[in-house]
Amino acid sequence: MASRILPVIRQGGVVLGYLLVYVMIWAGLAMLIAAIGIRYYFGKISFGQMRLNIVTVETDGGGGPWFGWASWASACCLWSSP
């Protein structure tokens, strides 16, 4: 019985791993394109300006708590210039 379940679990892990890699690549490219667009339209933005703008984001309005989390993650990790 266990000899049949182990390959199925392993195959499921492989599929989940490939899916995770594709999602991470897609999310990274989406954030990179967004950062390039922001840099093009608004110019160089300092970390202090981004932090000030993110503090004013209200999570109860347009997008819920995921929008607030995504805003903080993108500001802290992506294009913060000192």
N, C-alpha and C. Protein backbone atom coordinates (compact mmCIF):
# COMPACT_ATOMS: atom_id res chain seq x y z
N MET A 1 0.82 -1.19 0.00
CA MET A 1 0.00 0.00 0.00
C MET A 1 0.87 1.27 0.00
N ALA A 2 1.87 1.29 0.87
CA ALA A 2 2.75 2.46 0.96
C ALA A 2 3.56 2.63 -0.31
N SER A 3 3.85 1.52 -0.99
CA SER A 3 4.65 1.62 -2.21
C SER A 3 3.89 2.30 -3.35
N ARG A 4 2.56 2.34 -3.26
CA ARG A 4 1.77 3.04 -4.28
C ARG A 4 1.57 4.51 -3.92
N ILE A 5 1.52 4.81 -2.65
CA ILE A 5 1.23 6.19 -2.22
C ILE A 5 2.46 7.08 -2.36
N LEU A 6 3.64 6.56 -2.09
CA LEU A 6 4.85 7.36 -2.13
C LEU A 6 5.11 8.00 -3.49
N PRO A 7 5.00 7.29 -4.61
CA PRO A 7 5.21 7.95 -5.92
C PRO A 7 4.15 9.02 -6.21
N VAL A 8 2.93 8.81 -5.74
CA VAL A 8 1.88 9.82 -5.97
C VAL A 8 2.20 11.09 -5.18
N ILE A 9 2.65 10.92 -3.94
CA ILE A 9 3.01 12.08 -3.12
C ILE A 9 4.21 12.80 -3.75
N ARG A 10 5.19 12.03 -4.20
CA ARG A 10 6.38 12.62 -4.83
C ARG A 10 5.99 13.39 -6.10
N GLN A 11 5.14 12.81 -6.92
CA GLN A 11 4.71 13.48 -8.15
C GLN A 11 3.92 14.75 -7.83
N GLY A 12 3.09 14.69 -6.80
CA GLY A 12 2.36 15.89 -6.38
C GLY A 12 3.30 16.99 -5.90
N GLY A 13 4.37 16.59 -5.20
CA GLY A 13 5.37 17.57 -4.76
C GLY A 13 6.11 18.20 -5.93
N VAL A 14 6.40 17.41 -6.94
CA VAL A 14 7.07 17.94 -8.14
C VAL A 14 6.17 18.94 -8.85
N VAL A 15 4.90 18.59 -9.00
CA VAL A 15 3.95 19.50 -9.65
C VAL A 15 3.81 20.78 -8.84
N LEU A 16 3.71 20.65 -7.53
CA LEU A 16 3.60 21.84 -6.67
C LEU A 16 4.85 22.70 -6.74
N GLY A 17 6.02 22.06 -6.83
CA GLY A 17 7.27 22.80 -6.97
C GLY A 17 7.33 23.59 -8.27
N TYR A 18 6.95 22.94 -9.38
CA TYR A 18 6.93 23.65 -10.66
C TYR A 18 5.94 24.82 -10.63
N LEU A 19 4.79 24.59 -10.04
CA LEU A 19 3.79 25.66 -9.93
C LEU A 19 4.31 26.82 -9.11
N LEU A 20 4.98 26.53 -8.01
CA LEU A 20 5.55 27.58 -7.17
C LEU A 20 6.61 28.38 -7.92
N VAL A 21 7.46 27.68 -8.68
CA VAL A 21 8.49 28.38 -9.46
C VAL A 21 7.85 29.31 -10.50
N TYR A 22 6.84 28.84 -11.21
CA TYR A 22 6.18 29.68 -12.20
C TYR A 22 5.49 30.88 -11.56
N VAL A 23 4.86 30.69 -10.41
CA VAL A 23 4.20 31.80 -9.72
C VAL A 23 5.23 32.83 -9.26
N MET A 24 6.36 32.37 -8.75
CA MET A 24 7.40 33.29 -8.29
C MET A 24 8.00 34.07 -9.47
N ILE A 25 8.22 33.41 -10.59
CA ILE A 25 8.74 34.10 -11.77
C ILE A 25 7.73 35.13 -12.26
N TRP A 26 6.45 34.75 -12.34
CA TRP A 26 5.42 35.66 -12.80
C TRP A 26 5.30 36.87 -11.88
N ALA A 27 5.30 36.63 -10.56
CA ALA A 27 5.18 37.74 -9.61
C ALA A 27 6.39 38.66 -9.70
N GLY A 28 7.57 38.08 -9.85
CA GLY A 28 8.78 38.90 -9.97
C GLY A 28 8.76 39.76 -11.22
N LEU A 29 8.34 39.19 -12.34
CA LEU A 29 8.26 39.98 -13.57
C LEU A 29 7.19 41.06 -13.47
N ALA A 30 6.07 40.75 -12.84
CA ALA A 30 5.01 41.75 -12.68
C ALA A 30 5.50 42.92 -11.82
N MET A 31 6.22 42.62 -10.73
CA MET A 31 6.74 43.70 -9.88
C MET A 31 7.83 44.49 -10.60
N LEU A 32 8.65 43.80 -11.40
CA LEU A 32 9.69 44.49 -12.15
C LEU A 32 9.09 45.45 -13.17
N ILE A 33 8.07 45.01 -13.88
CA ILE A 33 7.40 45.87 -14.86
C ILE A 33 6.73 47.06 -14.17
N ALA A 34 6.11 46.80 -13.01
CA ALA A 34 5.49 47.90 -12.26
C ALA A 34 6.54 48.89 -11.79
N ALA A 35 7.67 48.40 -11.32
CA ALA A 35 8.73 49.29 -10.85
C ALA A 35 9.30 50.12 -11.99
N ILE A 36 9.46 49.51 -13.16
CA ILE A 36 9.96 50.26 -14.31
C ILE A 36 8.97 51.34 -14.72
N GLY A 37 7.69 51.00 -14.69
CA GLY A 37 6.66 51.99 -15.01
C GLY A 37 6.65 53.14 -14.03
N ILE A 38 6.77 52.84 -12.75
CA ILE A 38 6.80 53.89 -11.73
C ILE A 38 8.03 54.77 -11.91
N ARG A 39 9.16 54.15 -12.17
CA ARG A 39 10.40 54.93 -12.36
C ARG A 39 10.29 55.81 -13.60
N TYR A 40 9.64 55.31 -14.65
CA TYR A 40 9.50 56.07 -15.89
C TYR A 40 8.55 57.26 -15.72
N TYR A 41 7.41 57.01 -15.09
CA TYR A 41 6.39 58.07 -14.99
C TYR A 41 6.66 59.07 -13.87
N PHE A 42 7.23 58.62 -12.74
CA PHE A 42 7.39 59.49 -11.59
C PHE A 42 8.82 59.84 -11.28
N GLY A 43 9.77 59.26 -11.98
CA GLY A 43 11.17 59.55 -11.71
C GLY A 43 11.70 58.75 -10.53
N LYS A 44 12.87 59.13 -10.07
CA LYS A 44 13.50 58.42 -8.97
C LYS A 44 12.76 58.77 -7.68
N ILE A 45 12.36 57.75 -6.95
CA ILE A 45 11.61 57.93 -5.70
C ILE A 45 12.48 57.42 -4.57
N SER A 46 12.62 58.23 -3.52
CA SER A 46 13.44 57.80 -2.38
C SER A 46 12.64 56.85 -1.49
N PHE A 47 13.35 56.16 -0.62
CA PHE A 47 12.69 55.22 0.29
C PHE A 47 11.77 55.97 1.25
N GLY A 48 12.17 57.15 1.67
CA GLY A 48 11.33 57.96 2.56
C GLY A 48 10.01 58.34 1.90
N GLN A 49 10.05 58.69 0.62
CA GLN A 49 8.81 59.02 -0.09
C GLN A 49 7.90 57.80 -0.21
N MET A 50 8.48 56.64 -0.52
CA MET A 50 7.66 55.43 -0.61
C MET A 50 7.05 55.09 0.74
N ARG A 51 7.84 55.18 1.80
CA ARG A 51 7.34 54.86 3.14
C ARG A 51 6.23 55.82 3.54
N LEU A 52 6.38 57.09 3.22
CA LEU A 52 5.34 58.06 3.53
C LEU A 52 4.06 57.77 2.78
N ASN A 53 4.15 57.39 1.52
CA ASN A 53 2.96 57.07 0.73
C ASN A 53 2.31 55.78 1.19
N ILE A 54 3.09 54.80 1.60
CA ILE A 54 2.51 53.53 2.02
C ILE A 54 1.80 53.67 3.36
N VAL A 55 2.28 54.54 4.22
CA VAL A 55 1.61 54.76 5.50
C VAL A 55 0.20 55.27 5.27
N THR A 56 -0.03 56.02 4.21
CA THR A 56 -1.35 56.58 3.94
C THR A 56 -2.29 55.60 3.26
N VAL A 57 -1.81 54.41 2.89
CA VAL A 57 -2.68 53.41 2.25
C VAL A 57 -3.63 52.84 3.31
N GLU A 58 -4.91 52.89 3.02
CA GLU A 58 -5.90 52.34 3.94
C GLU A 58 -6.31 50.97 3.44
N THR A 59 -6.20 49.97 4.31
CA THR A 59 -6.50 48.61 3.89
C THR A 59 -7.99 48.31 3.94
N ASP A 60 -8.80 49.20 4.49
CA ASP A 60 -10.23 48.92 4.53
C ASP A 60 -10.96 49.41 3.28
N GLY A 61 -10.26 50.08 2.40
CA GLY A 61 -10.91 50.67 1.23
C GLY A 61 -10.78 49.84 -0.02
N GLY A 62 -9.77 50.05 -0.80
CA GLY A 62 -9.71 49.42 -2.11
C GLY A 62 -8.72 48.29 -2.21
N GLY A 63 -9.11 47.11 -1.85
CA GLY A 63 -8.24 45.98 -2.05
C GLY A 63 -8.11 45.07 -0.86
N GLY A 64 -8.44 45.52 0.30
CA GLY A 64 -8.37 44.67 1.47
C GLY A 64 -6.96 44.55 2.02
N PRO A 65 -6.77 43.65 2.96
CA PRO A 65 -5.46 43.54 3.61
C PRO A 65 -4.36 43.04 2.69
N TRP A 66 -4.69 42.32 1.64
CA TRP A 66 -3.66 41.84 0.72
C TRP A 66 -3.00 42.99 -0.02
N PHE A 67 -3.76 44.06 -0.31
CA PHE A 67 -3.18 45.20 -0.99
C PHE A 67 -2.15 45.89 -0.10
N GLY A 68 -2.47 46.03 1.18
CA GLY A 68 -1.52 46.64 2.11
C GLY A 68 -0.26 45.82 2.25
N TRP A 69 -0.41 44.49 2.33
CA TRP A 69 0.76 43.62 2.44
C TRP A 69 1.61 43.70 1.18
N ALA A 70 0.97 43.70 0.03
CA ALA A 70 1.71 43.76 -1.24
C ALA A 70 2.43 45.10 -1.37
N SER A 71 1.81 46.17 -0.91
CA SER A 71 2.46 47.48 -0.97
C SER A 71 3.71 47.51 -0.11
N TRP A 72 3.61 47.00 1.12
CA TRP A 72 4.78 46.99 2.00
C TRP A 72 5.87 46.09 1.44
N ALA A 73 5.51 44.94 0.91
CA ALA A 73 6.51 44.02 0.38
C ALA A 73 7.24 44.62 -0.82
N SER A 74 6.49 45.27 -1.70
CA SER A 74 7.14 45.85 -2.87
C SER A 74 8.01 47.04 -2.51
N ALA A 75 7.62 47.82 -1.52
CA ALA A 75 8.42 48.98 -1.13
C ALA A 75 9.69 48.57 -0.41
N CYS A 76 9.59 47.56 0.42
CA CYS A 76 10.76 47.17 1.21
C CYS A 76 11.75 46.32 0.44
N CYS A 77 11.30 45.64 -0.58
CA CYS A 77 12.16 44.67 -1.26
C CYS A 77 12.59 45.09 -2.65
N LEU A 78 11.84 45.91 -3.33
CA LEU A 78 12.08 46.03 -4.76
C LEU A 78 12.98 47.22 -5.14
N TRP A 79 12.45 48.41 -5.13
CA TRP A 79 13.18 49.55 -5.67
C TRP A 79 13.42 50.61 -4.61
N SER A 80 13.93 50.25 -3.48
CA SER A 80 14.21 51.24 -2.45
C SER A 80 15.61 51.82 -2.69
N SER A 81 15.65 53.07 -3.04
CA SER A 81 16.94 53.73 -3.27
C SER A 81 17.21 54.65 -2.09
N PRO A 82 18.39 54.56 -1.50
CA PRO A 82 18.72 55.37 -0.32
C PRO A 82 18.83 56.84 -0.62
